[in-house]
N, C-alpha and C. Protein backbone atom coordinates (compact mmCIF):
# COMPACT_ATOMS: atom_id res chain seq x y z
N LEU A 1 4.19 1.85 -14.78
CA LEU A 1 4.71 2.05 -13.43
C LEU A 1 4.01 3.27 -12.85
N ALA A 2 4.63 4.41 -12.82
CA ALA A 2 3.99 5.62 -12.30
C ALA A 2 4.43 6.82 -13.11
N ARG A 3 3.50 7.69 -13.36
CA ARG A 3 3.85 8.94 -14.02
C ARG A 3 4.48 9.84 -12.96
N PRO A 4 5.44 10.67 -13.35
CA PRO A 4 6.09 11.55 -12.36
C PRO A 4 5.09 12.35 -11.51
N LYS A 5 3.99 12.82 -12.12
CA LYS A 5 3.02 13.60 -11.35
C LYS A 5 2.26 12.74 -10.34
N ASP A 6 2.29 11.41 -10.49
CA ASP A 6 1.60 10.52 -9.57
C ASP A 6 2.48 10.06 -8.41
N LEU A 7 3.76 10.39 -8.46
CA LEU A 7 4.66 9.96 -7.39
C LEU A 7 4.38 10.72 -6.11
N PHE A 8 4.65 10.07 -5.01
CA PHE A 8 4.50 10.68 -3.69
C PHE A 8 5.45 11.86 -3.60
N PRO A 9 4.96 13.06 -3.28
CA PRO A 9 5.83 14.25 -3.26
C PRO A 9 6.98 14.12 -2.26
N GLY A 10 8.15 14.60 -2.67
CA GLY A 10 9.35 14.50 -1.85
C GLY A 10 9.21 15.14 -0.49
N ASP A 11 8.54 16.29 -0.41
CA ASP A 11 8.40 16.94 0.89
C ASP A 11 7.55 16.11 1.84
N LEU A 12 6.55 15.43 1.31
CA LEU A 12 5.74 14.54 2.16
C LEU A 12 6.54 13.31 2.56
N TYR A 13 7.32 12.79 1.63
CA TYR A 13 8.17 11.63 1.91
C TYR A 13 9.13 11.96 3.05
N ASP A 14 9.82 13.08 2.95
CA ASP A 14 10.76 13.48 3.99
C ASP A 14 10.03 13.81 5.29
N GLY A 15 8.80 14.27 5.20
CA GLY A 15 8.05 14.66 6.39
C GLY A 15 7.50 13.51 7.21
N LEU A 16 7.46 12.31 6.64
CA LEU A 16 6.98 11.17 7.41
C LEU A 16 7.97 10.89 8.54
N GLY A 17 7.48 10.86 9.75
CA GLY A 17 8.35 10.69 10.92
C GLY A 17 8.83 9.27 11.12
N VAL A 18 9.70 8.81 10.26
CA VAL A 18 10.25 7.46 10.36
C VAL A 18 11.76 7.58 10.51
N LYS A 19 12.27 7.08 11.59
CA LYS A 19 13.71 7.17 11.86
C LYS A 19 14.41 5.91 11.36
N SER A 20 15.38 6.11 10.49
CA SER A 20 16.20 5.02 9.99
C SER A 20 17.34 5.62 9.17
N LYS A 21 18.50 5.02 9.29
CA LYS A 21 19.64 5.47 8.49
C LYS A 21 19.31 5.38 7.00
N LEU A 22 18.52 4.39 6.65
CA LEU A 22 18.10 4.21 5.26
C LEU A 22 17.49 5.50 4.69
N PHE A 23 16.59 6.11 5.43
CA PHE A 23 15.89 7.29 4.92
C PHE A 23 16.71 8.56 5.09
N GLU A 24 17.73 8.52 5.93
CA GLU A 24 18.67 9.63 6.00
C GLU A 24 19.54 9.62 4.74
N THR A 25 19.94 8.43 4.32
CA THR A 25 20.76 8.28 3.12
C THR A 25 19.99 8.74 1.89
N TYR A 26 18.71 8.39 1.85
CA TYR A 26 17.89 8.67 0.67
C TYR A 26 16.85 9.75 0.94
N LYS A 27 17.28 10.92 1.40
CA LYS A 27 16.36 12.06 1.52
C LYS A 27 15.94 12.47 0.11
N ALA A 28 14.75 13.01 -0.02
CA ALA A 28 14.19 13.29 -1.35
C ALA A 28 15.09 14.15 -2.23
N GLY A 29 15.74 15.14 -1.71
CA GLY A 29 16.56 16.01 -2.54
C GLY A 29 18.00 15.56 -2.70
N SER A 30 18.36 14.46 -2.06
CA SER A 30 19.76 14.01 -2.08
C SER A 30 20.17 13.46 -3.44
N ASP A 31 21.47 13.47 -3.70
CA ASP A 31 21.98 12.86 -4.93
C ASP A 31 21.65 11.38 -4.97
N ALA A 32 21.73 10.73 -3.79
CA ALA A 32 21.43 9.29 -3.74
C ALA A 32 20.00 9.03 -4.20
N PHE A 33 19.05 9.83 -3.73
CA PHE A 33 17.65 9.65 -4.10
C PHE A 33 17.44 10.01 -5.57
N GLN A 34 18.01 11.12 -5.99
CA GLN A 34 17.83 11.57 -7.38
C GLN A 34 18.41 10.59 -8.38
N GLY A 35 19.42 9.81 -7.96
CA GLY A 35 20.04 8.84 -8.85
C GLY A 35 19.26 7.54 -9.00
N LEU A 36 18.17 7.40 -8.26
CA LEU A 36 17.38 6.17 -8.33
C LEU A 36 16.40 6.18 -9.50
N SER A 37 16.08 5.00 -9.97
CA SER A 37 15.04 4.87 -10.99
C SER A 37 13.68 5.10 -10.32
N ILE A 38 12.65 5.26 -11.11
CA ILE A 38 11.30 5.42 -10.55
C ILE A 38 10.93 4.19 -9.74
N ALA A 39 11.26 3.00 -10.23
CA ALA A 39 10.94 1.77 -9.50
C ALA A 39 11.63 1.76 -8.14
N GLU A 40 12.89 2.18 -8.10
CA GLU A 40 13.62 2.20 -6.83
C GLU A 40 13.04 3.26 -5.88
N ARG A 41 12.66 4.40 -6.42
CA ARG A 41 12.04 5.43 -5.58
C ARG A 41 10.72 4.92 -5.01
N MET A 42 9.96 4.22 -5.83
CA MET A 42 8.68 3.68 -5.37
C MET A 42 8.89 2.69 -4.23
N VAL A 43 9.96 1.91 -4.30
CA VAL A 43 10.29 0.98 -3.21
C VAL A 43 10.53 1.76 -1.92
N LEU A 44 11.36 2.78 -1.99
CA LEU A 44 11.64 3.59 -0.80
C LEU A 44 10.36 4.23 -0.26
N LEU A 45 9.55 4.76 -1.13
CA LEU A 45 8.31 5.40 -0.71
C LEU A 45 7.40 4.39 -0.02
N TRP A 46 7.29 3.20 -0.59
CA TRP A 46 6.44 2.17 0.02
C TRP A 46 6.99 1.77 1.38
N LEU A 47 8.29 1.52 1.46
CA LEU A 47 8.89 1.13 2.74
C LEU A 47 8.63 2.18 3.81
N LYS A 48 8.84 3.43 3.48
CA LYS A 48 8.68 4.49 4.47
C LYS A 48 7.22 4.68 4.86
N ARG A 49 6.32 4.62 3.88
CA ARG A 49 4.90 4.76 4.21
C ARG A 49 4.42 3.61 5.08
N MET A 50 4.86 2.39 4.79
CA MET A 50 4.44 1.25 5.61
C MET A 50 4.99 1.36 7.02
N LEU A 51 6.23 1.80 7.17
CA LEU A 51 6.78 2.00 8.51
C LEU A 51 6.01 3.09 9.26
N PHE A 52 5.62 4.13 8.56
CA PHE A 52 4.85 5.20 9.18
C PHE A 52 3.49 4.67 9.65
N VAL A 53 2.82 3.93 8.80
CA VAL A 53 1.51 3.36 9.14
C VAL A 53 1.64 2.39 10.31
N LEU A 54 2.67 1.54 10.28
CA LEU A 54 2.87 0.61 11.39
C LEU A 54 3.14 1.35 12.69
N GLY A 55 3.88 2.44 12.61
CA GLY A 55 4.12 3.26 13.80
C GLY A 55 2.83 3.83 14.36
N LEU A 56 1.98 4.32 13.47
CA LEU A 56 0.67 4.83 13.91
C LEU A 56 -0.16 3.72 14.53
N ALA A 57 -0.18 2.57 13.88
CA ALA A 57 -0.97 1.45 14.37
C ALA A 57 -0.51 1.01 15.76
N LYS A 58 0.79 1.03 15.96
CA LYS A 58 1.33 0.63 17.26
C LYS A 58 1.02 1.67 18.33
N ALA A 59 1.21 2.94 17.98
CA ALA A 59 1.00 4.02 18.95
C ALA A 59 -0.48 4.23 19.27
N LYS A 60 -1.31 4.00 18.31
CA LYS A 60 -2.74 4.27 18.48
C LYS A 60 -3.57 3.07 18.03
N GLU A 61 -3.25 1.91 18.60
CA GLU A 61 -3.85 0.68 18.10
C GLU A 61 -5.37 0.66 18.18
N LYS A 62 -5.95 1.43 19.06
CA LYS A 62 -7.41 1.48 19.16
C LYS A 62 -8.02 2.41 18.10
N GLN A 63 -7.18 3.14 17.38
CA GLN A 63 -7.66 4.08 16.38
C GLN A 63 -7.26 3.72 14.95
N VAL A 64 -6.39 2.73 14.79
CA VAL A 64 -5.88 2.38 13.46
C VAL A 64 -6.14 0.90 13.20
N LEU A 65 -6.84 0.63 12.14
CA LEU A 65 -7.11 -0.73 11.71
C LEU A 65 -6.32 -1.00 10.44
N LEU A 66 -5.47 -2.01 10.47
CA LEU A 66 -4.73 -2.39 9.27
C LEU A 66 -5.58 -3.37 8.47
N LEU A 67 -5.75 -3.07 7.21
CA LEU A 67 -6.59 -3.88 6.34
C LEU A 67 -5.90 -4.02 4.99
N ARG A 68 -5.64 -5.24 4.61
CA ARG A 68 -4.99 -5.48 3.32
C ARG A 68 -6.02 -5.38 2.20
N MET A 69 -5.65 -4.69 1.13
CA MET A 69 -6.55 -4.50 0.00
C MET A 69 -6.96 -5.83 -0.61
N ASP A 70 -6.02 -6.77 -0.73
CA ASP A 70 -6.38 -8.05 -1.33
C ASP A 70 -7.39 -8.80 -0.45
N ASP A 71 -7.28 -8.68 0.86
CA ASP A 71 -8.27 -9.30 1.75
C ASP A 71 -9.63 -8.64 1.57
N PHE A 72 -9.63 -7.32 1.46
CA PHE A 72 -10.88 -6.60 1.27
C PHE A 72 -11.54 -6.99 -0.05
N LEU A 73 -10.75 -7.08 -1.11
CA LEU A 73 -11.32 -7.44 -2.41
C LEU A 73 -11.81 -8.88 -2.44
N GLU A 74 -11.13 -9.74 -1.69
CA GLU A 74 -11.52 -11.15 -1.65
C GLU A 74 -12.82 -11.37 -0.89
N GLU A 75 -13.00 -10.65 0.21
CA GLU A 75 -14.19 -10.81 1.05
C GLU A 75 -14.71 -9.43 1.48
N PRO A 76 -15.26 -8.66 0.55
CA PRO A 76 -15.64 -7.29 0.89
C PRO A 76 -16.70 -7.20 2.00
N SER A 77 -17.69 -8.06 1.98
CA SER A 77 -18.74 -7.99 3.00
C SER A 77 -18.17 -8.26 4.39
N ARG A 78 -17.38 -9.31 4.49
CA ARG A 78 -16.78 -9.66 5.78
C ARG A 78 -15.88 -8.54 6.30
N ARG A 79 -15.07 -7.99 5.42
CA ARG A 79 -14.14 -6.92 5.83
C ARG A 79 -14.88 -5.64 6.17
N LEU A 80 -15.99 -5.37 5.51
CA LEU A 80 -16.81 -4.21 5.85
C LEU A 80 -17.38 -4.35 7.26
N VAL A 81 -17.81 -5.56 7.61
CA VAL A 81 -18.29 -5.83 8.97
C VAL A 81 -17.16 -5.63 9.96
N ASP A 82 -15.94 -6.11 9.61
CA ASP A 82 -14.78 -5.92 10.50
C ASP A 82 -14.51 -4.44 10.75
N VAL A 83 -14.58 -3.63 9.70
CA VAL A 83 -14.34 -2.19 9.83
C VAL A 83 -15.41 -1.57 10.72
N ALA A 84 -16.65 -1.92 10.49
CA ALA A 84 -17.74 -1.38 11.30
C ALA A 84 -17.55 -1.76 12.77
N GLU A 85 -17.21 -3.01 13.03
CA GLU A 85 -16.98 -3.46 14.41
C GLU A 85 -15.83 -2.68 15.05
N PHE A 86 -14.77 -2.46 14.29
CA PHE A 86 -13.62 -1.73 14.81
C PHE A 86 -14.02 -0.33 15.29
N PHE A 87 -14.90 0.30 14.53
CA PHE A 87 -15.35 1.65 14.89
C PHE A 87 -16.58 1.65 15.79
N GLY A 88 -17.00 0.47 16.23
CA GLY A 88 -18.13 0.38 17.15
C GLY A 88 -19.47 0.67 16.50
N LEU A 89 -19.57 0.40 15.21
CA LEU A 89 -20.80 0.65 14.48
C LEU A 89 -21.53 -0.66 14.23
N PRO A 90 -22.83 -0.65 14.37
CA PRO A 90 -23.58 -1.88 14.08
C PRO A 90 -23.69 -2.10 12.57
N LEU A 91 -23.37 -3.28 12.13
CA LEU A 91 -23.52 -3.63 10.71
C LEU A 91 -23.64 -5.14 10.61
N SER A 92 -24.81 -5.59 10.21
CA SER A 92 -25.02 -7.03 10.07
C SER A 92 -24.40 -7.51 8.76
N SER A 93 -24.16 -8.79 8.67
CA SER A 93 -23.58 -9.33 7.44
C SER A 93 -24.56 -9.18 6.28
N GLN A 94 -25.87 -9.21 6.57
CA GLN A 94 -26.86 -9.03 5.51
C GLN A 94 -26.80 -7.61 4.93
N VAL A 95 -26.65 -6.62 5.81
CA VAL A 95 -26.55 -5.24 5.34
C VAL A 95 -25.23 -5.05 4.58
N ALA A 96 -24.16 -5.63 5.08
CA ALA A 96 -22.88 -5.55 4.39
C ALA A 96 -22.98 -6.19 3.00
N ASP A 97 -23.68 -7.31 2.90
CA ASP A 97 -23.88 -7.96 1.59
C ASP A 97 -24.64 -7.03 0.64
N THR A 98 -25.64 -6.34 1.16
CA THR A 98 -26.42 -5.40 0.35
C THR A 98 -25.54 -4.25 -0.12
N ILE A 99 -24.72 -3.72 0.78
CA ILE A 99 -23.82 -2.62 0.42
C ILE A 99 -22.85 -3.05 -0.66
N THR A 100 -22.22 -4.20 -0.47
CA THR A 100 -21.20 -4.64 -1.44
C THR A 100 -21.82 -5.11 -2.76
N ALA A 101 -23.11 -5.38 -2.76
CA ALA A 101 -23.79 -5.74 -4.02
C ALA A 101 -24.24 -4.49 -4.77
N GLY A 102 -24.13 -3.33 -4.12
CA GLY A 102 -24.62 -2.08 -4.71
C GLY A 102 -23.64 -1.42 -5.65
N ARG A 103 -24.07 -0.28 -6.14
CA ARG A 103 -23.35 0.47 -7.17
C ARG A 103 -21.92 0.85 -6.75
N THR A 104 -21.73 1.22 -5.48
CA THR A 104 -20.41 1.64 -5.01
C THR A 104 -19.36 0.57 -5.25
N PHE A 105 -19.74 -0.67 -5.13
CA PHE A 105 -18.79 -1.77 -5.29
C PHE A 105 -18.81 -2.37 -6.69
N LYS A 106 -19.60 -1.80 -7.58
CA LYS A 106 -19.72 -2.36 -8.93
C LYS A 106 -19.19 -1.45 -10.01
N GLU A 107 -18.81 -0.21 -9.66
CA GLU A 107 -18.29 0.74 -10.64
C GLU A 107 -16.92 1.22 -10.21
N TYR A 108 -16.06 1.39 -11.18
CA TYR A 108 -14.73 1.94 -10.92
C TYR A 108 -14.89 3.43 -10.63
N ALA A 109 -14.34 3.87 -9.51
CA ALA A 109 -14.56 5.24 -9.05
C ALA A 109 -14.07 6.30 -10.04
N LYS A 110 -12.99 6.02 -10.77
CA LYS A 110 -12.45 7.02 -11.68
C LYS A 110 -13.21 7.08 -13.00
N ASP A 111 -13.98 6.05 -13.30
CA ASP A 111 -14.73 6.01 -14.54
C ASP A 111 -15.94 5.11 -14.34
N SER A 112 -17.10 5.70 -14.09
CA SER A 112 -18.29 4.92 -13.75
C SER A 112 -18.77 4.01 -14.89
N SER A 113 -18.23 4.18 -16.08
CA SER A 113 -18.63 3.30 -17.18
C SER A 113 -17.88 1.96 -17.13
N VAL A 114 -16.87 1.89 -16.28
CA VAL A 114 -16.07 0.68 -16.16
C VAL A 114 -16.63 -0.18 -15.03
N PRO A 115 -17.03 -1.41 -15.33
CA PRO A 115 -17.51 -2.28 -14.24
C PRO A 115 -16.36 -2.60 -13.29
N TRP A 116 -16.70 -2.91 -12.05
CA TRP A 116 -15.67 -3.09 -11.04
C TRP A 116 -16.04 -4.22 -10.08
N ASN A 117 -15.10 -5.11 -9.86
CA ASN A 117 -15.24 -6.13 -8.83
C ASN A 117 -13.86 -6.71 -8.56
N SER A 118 -13.77 -7.64 -7.64
CA SER A 118 -12.46 -8.16 -7.26
C SER A 118 -11.79 -8.92 -8.41
N THR A 119 -12.56 -9.56 -9.26
CA THR A 119 -11.99 -10.29 -10.39
C THR A 119 -11.38 -9.31 -11.39
N ILE A 120 -12.09 -8.23 -11.68
CA ILE A 120 -11.55 -7.21 -12.59
C ILE A 120 -10.31 -6.58 -11.99
N GLN A 121 -10.34 -6.28 -10.69
CA GLN A 121 -9.17 -5.72 -10.02
C GLN A 121 -7.98 -6.66 -10.14
N ALA A 122 -8.19 -7.93 -9.89
CA ALA A 122 -7.10 -8.91 -10.00
C ALA A 122 -6.56 -8.98 -11.43
N THR A 123 -7.45 -8.93 -12.41
CA THR A 123 -7.04 -8.97 -13.81
C THR A 123 -6.22 -7.73 -14.17
N LEU A 124 -6.68 -6.57 -13.72
CA LEU A 124 -5.94 -5.33 -13.98
C LEU A 124 -4.56 -5.37 -13.32
N LEU A 125 -4.51 -5.83 -12.09
CA LEU A 125 -3.22 -5.93 -11.40
C LEU A 125 -2.28 -6.89 -12.11
N GLN A 126 -2.81 -8.02 -12.57
CA GLN A 126 -1.99 -8.99 -13.29
C GLN A 126 -1.47 -8.38 -14.60
N GLY A 127 -2.33 -7.64 -15.30
CA GLY A 127 -1.90 -6.99 -16.53
C GLY A 127 -0.80 -5.97 -16.29
N ARG A 128 -0.93 -5.20 -15.21
CA ARG A 128 0.11 -4.23 -14.86
C ARG A 128 1.40 -4.94 -14.48
N ALA A 129 1.26 -6.04 -13.73
CA ALA A 129 2.44 -6.80 -13.33
C ALA A 129 3.19 -7.33 -14.55
N GLU A 130 2.45 -7.78 -15.56
CA GLU A 130 3.09 -8.27 -16.78
C GLU A 130 3.72 -7.12 -17.57
N ALA A 131 3.00 -6.02 -17.67
CA ALA A 131 3.50 -4.88 -18.45
C ALA A 131 4.75 -4.26 -17.84
N PHE A 132 4.86 -4.30 -16.53
CA PHE A 132 5.98 -3.67 -15.83
C PHE A 132 6.87 -4.67 -15.12
N ALA A 133 6.90 -5.90 -15.63
CA ALA A 133 7.65 -6.98 -14.98
C ALA A 133 9.12 -6.61 -14.77
N GLY A 134 9.74 -5.99 -15.74
CA GLY A 134 11.14 -5.61 -15.61
C GLY A 134 11.37 -4.59 -14.50
N ASP A 135 10.53 -3.56 -14.48
CA ASP A 135 10.63 -2.54 -13.43
C ASP A 135 10.34 -3.13 -12.06
N ILE A 136 9.35 -4.00 -11.99
CA ILE A 136 9.00 -4.63 -10.72
C ILE A 136 10.16 -5.48 -10.23
N ALA A 137 10.77 -6.24 -11.13
CA ALA A 137 11.91 -7.09 -10.74
C ALA A 137 13.07 -6.23 -10.22
N LYS A 138 13.33 -5.11 -10.89
CA LYS A 138 14.40 -4.20 -10.43
C LYS A 138 14.04 -3.62 -9.07
N GLY A 139 12.80 -3.22 -8.90
CA GLY A 139 12.36 -2.66 -7.62
C GLY A 139 12.47 -3.68 -6.50
N LEU A 140 12.05 -4.92 -6.77
CA LEU A 140 12.14 -5.96 -5.74
C LEU A 140 13.58 -6.30 -5.41
N ALA A 141 14.46 -6.30 -6.40
CA ALA A 141 15.88 -6.55 -6.14
C ALA A 141 16.45 -5.43 -5.26
N PHE A 142 16.06 -4.19 -5.54
CA PHE A 142 16.50 -3.06 -4.74
C PHE A 142 15.96 -3.18 -3.31
N ALA A 143 14.69 -3.58 -3.18
CA ALA A 143 14.10 -3.77 -1.86
C ALA A 143 14.86 -4.85 -1.08
N ASP A 144 15.16 -5.96 -1.74
CA ASP A 144 15.92 -7.04 -1.09
C ASP A 144 17.26 -6.53 -0.60
N LYS A 145 17.93 -5.74 -1.43
CA LYS A 145 19.24 -5.18 -1.07
C LYS A 145 19.12 -4.26 0.15
N LEU A 146 18.15 -3.36 0.11
CA LEU A 146 17.95 -2.43 1.22
C LEU A 146 17.61 -3.17 2.52
N LEU A 147 16.73 -4.16 2.42
CA LEU A 147 16.32 -4.89 3.62
C LEU A 147 17.47 -5.72 4.18
N ALA A 148 18.32 -6.23 3.30
CA ALA A 148 19.50 -6.97 3.78
C ALA A 148 20.47 -6.04 4.49
N GLU A 149 20.60 -4.82 3.99
CA GLU A 149 21.51 -3.84 4.58
C GLU A 149 20.94 -3.18 5.84
N HIS A 150 19.63 -3.13 5.94
CA HIS A 150 18.96 -2.44 7.04
C HIS A 150 18.02 -3.41 7.74
N GLY A 151 18.60 -4.29 8.53
CA GLY A 151 17.83 -5.34 9.20
C GLY A 151 16.72 -4.83 10.09
N GLY A 152 16.91 -3.65 10.70
CA GLY A 152 15.86 -3.09 11.55
C GLY A 152 14.60 -2.77 10.76
N VAL A 153 14.78 -2.27 9.55
CA VAL A 153 13.63 -1.98 8.68
C VAL A 153 12.94 -3.28 8.30
N ALA A 154 13.73 -4.29 7.94
CA ALA A 154 13.17 -5.58 7.57
C ALA A 154 12.37 -6.18 8.72
N LYS A 155 12.91 -6.09 9.92
CA LYS A 155 12.25 -6.65 11.09
C LYS A 155 10.91 -5.95 11.35
N ARG A 156 10.90 -4.62 11.23
CA ARG A 156 9.67 -3.87 11.48
C ARG A 156 8.61 -4.13 10.42
N LEU A 157 9.05 -4.48 9.21
CA LEU A 157 8.10 -4.73 8.12
C LEU A 157 7.79 -6.20 7.89
N LYS A 158 8.24 -7.05 8.77
CA LYS A 158 8.11 -8.49 8.58
C LYS A 158 6.69 -8.93 8.23
N ALA A 159 5.70 -8.38 8.91
CA ALA A 159 4.31 -8.77 8.64
C ALA A 159 3.87 -8.46 7.22
N PHE A 160 4.39 -7.38 6.64
CA PHE A 160 4.02 -7.03 5.27
C PHE A 160 4.83 -7.81 4.25
N ILE A 161 6.06 -8.09 4.58
CA ILE A 161 6.97 -8.73 3.63
C ILE A 161 6.70 -10.22 3.48
N ASP A 162 6.33 -10.87 4.56
CA ASP A 162 6.16 -12.32 4.54
C ASP A 162 4.88 -12.79 3.86
N GLN A 163 4.00 -11.89 3.46
CA GLN A 163 2.73 -12.33 2.91
C GLN A 163 2.76 -12.43 1.42
């Protein structure tokens, strides 16, 4: 799942400008938040970060491009062209193909000895999903509960949840 040092810091979590009774109930230092498992905390952190990003995207739609990691991994050249177009930069599909065939897209950034591509990423994600299936199930059940109780949050996150 996540090591405590890898968790999103509480002060940053509280500092994200997202208004909802949900996040008032679960402030980082509160008893309610402290009583949560790591999986449940990760759910709250994800929900709040996604709401923050969606708020930015809505407020500054010409400056924020939403890009799903799985889409990027599935079609890196195409998505690289999309990013370039969004920022008004010229990038042909041939150049994007060359970039994605290069070293940057073939090595894992944290360990250059590890080969990297979308298939390896999918395999690693599947392995993590299997290893942490119990925690993931608890986290998803908690997310379902929160979204049922806080319909406004569910409505705002509909695009992320339905995929």
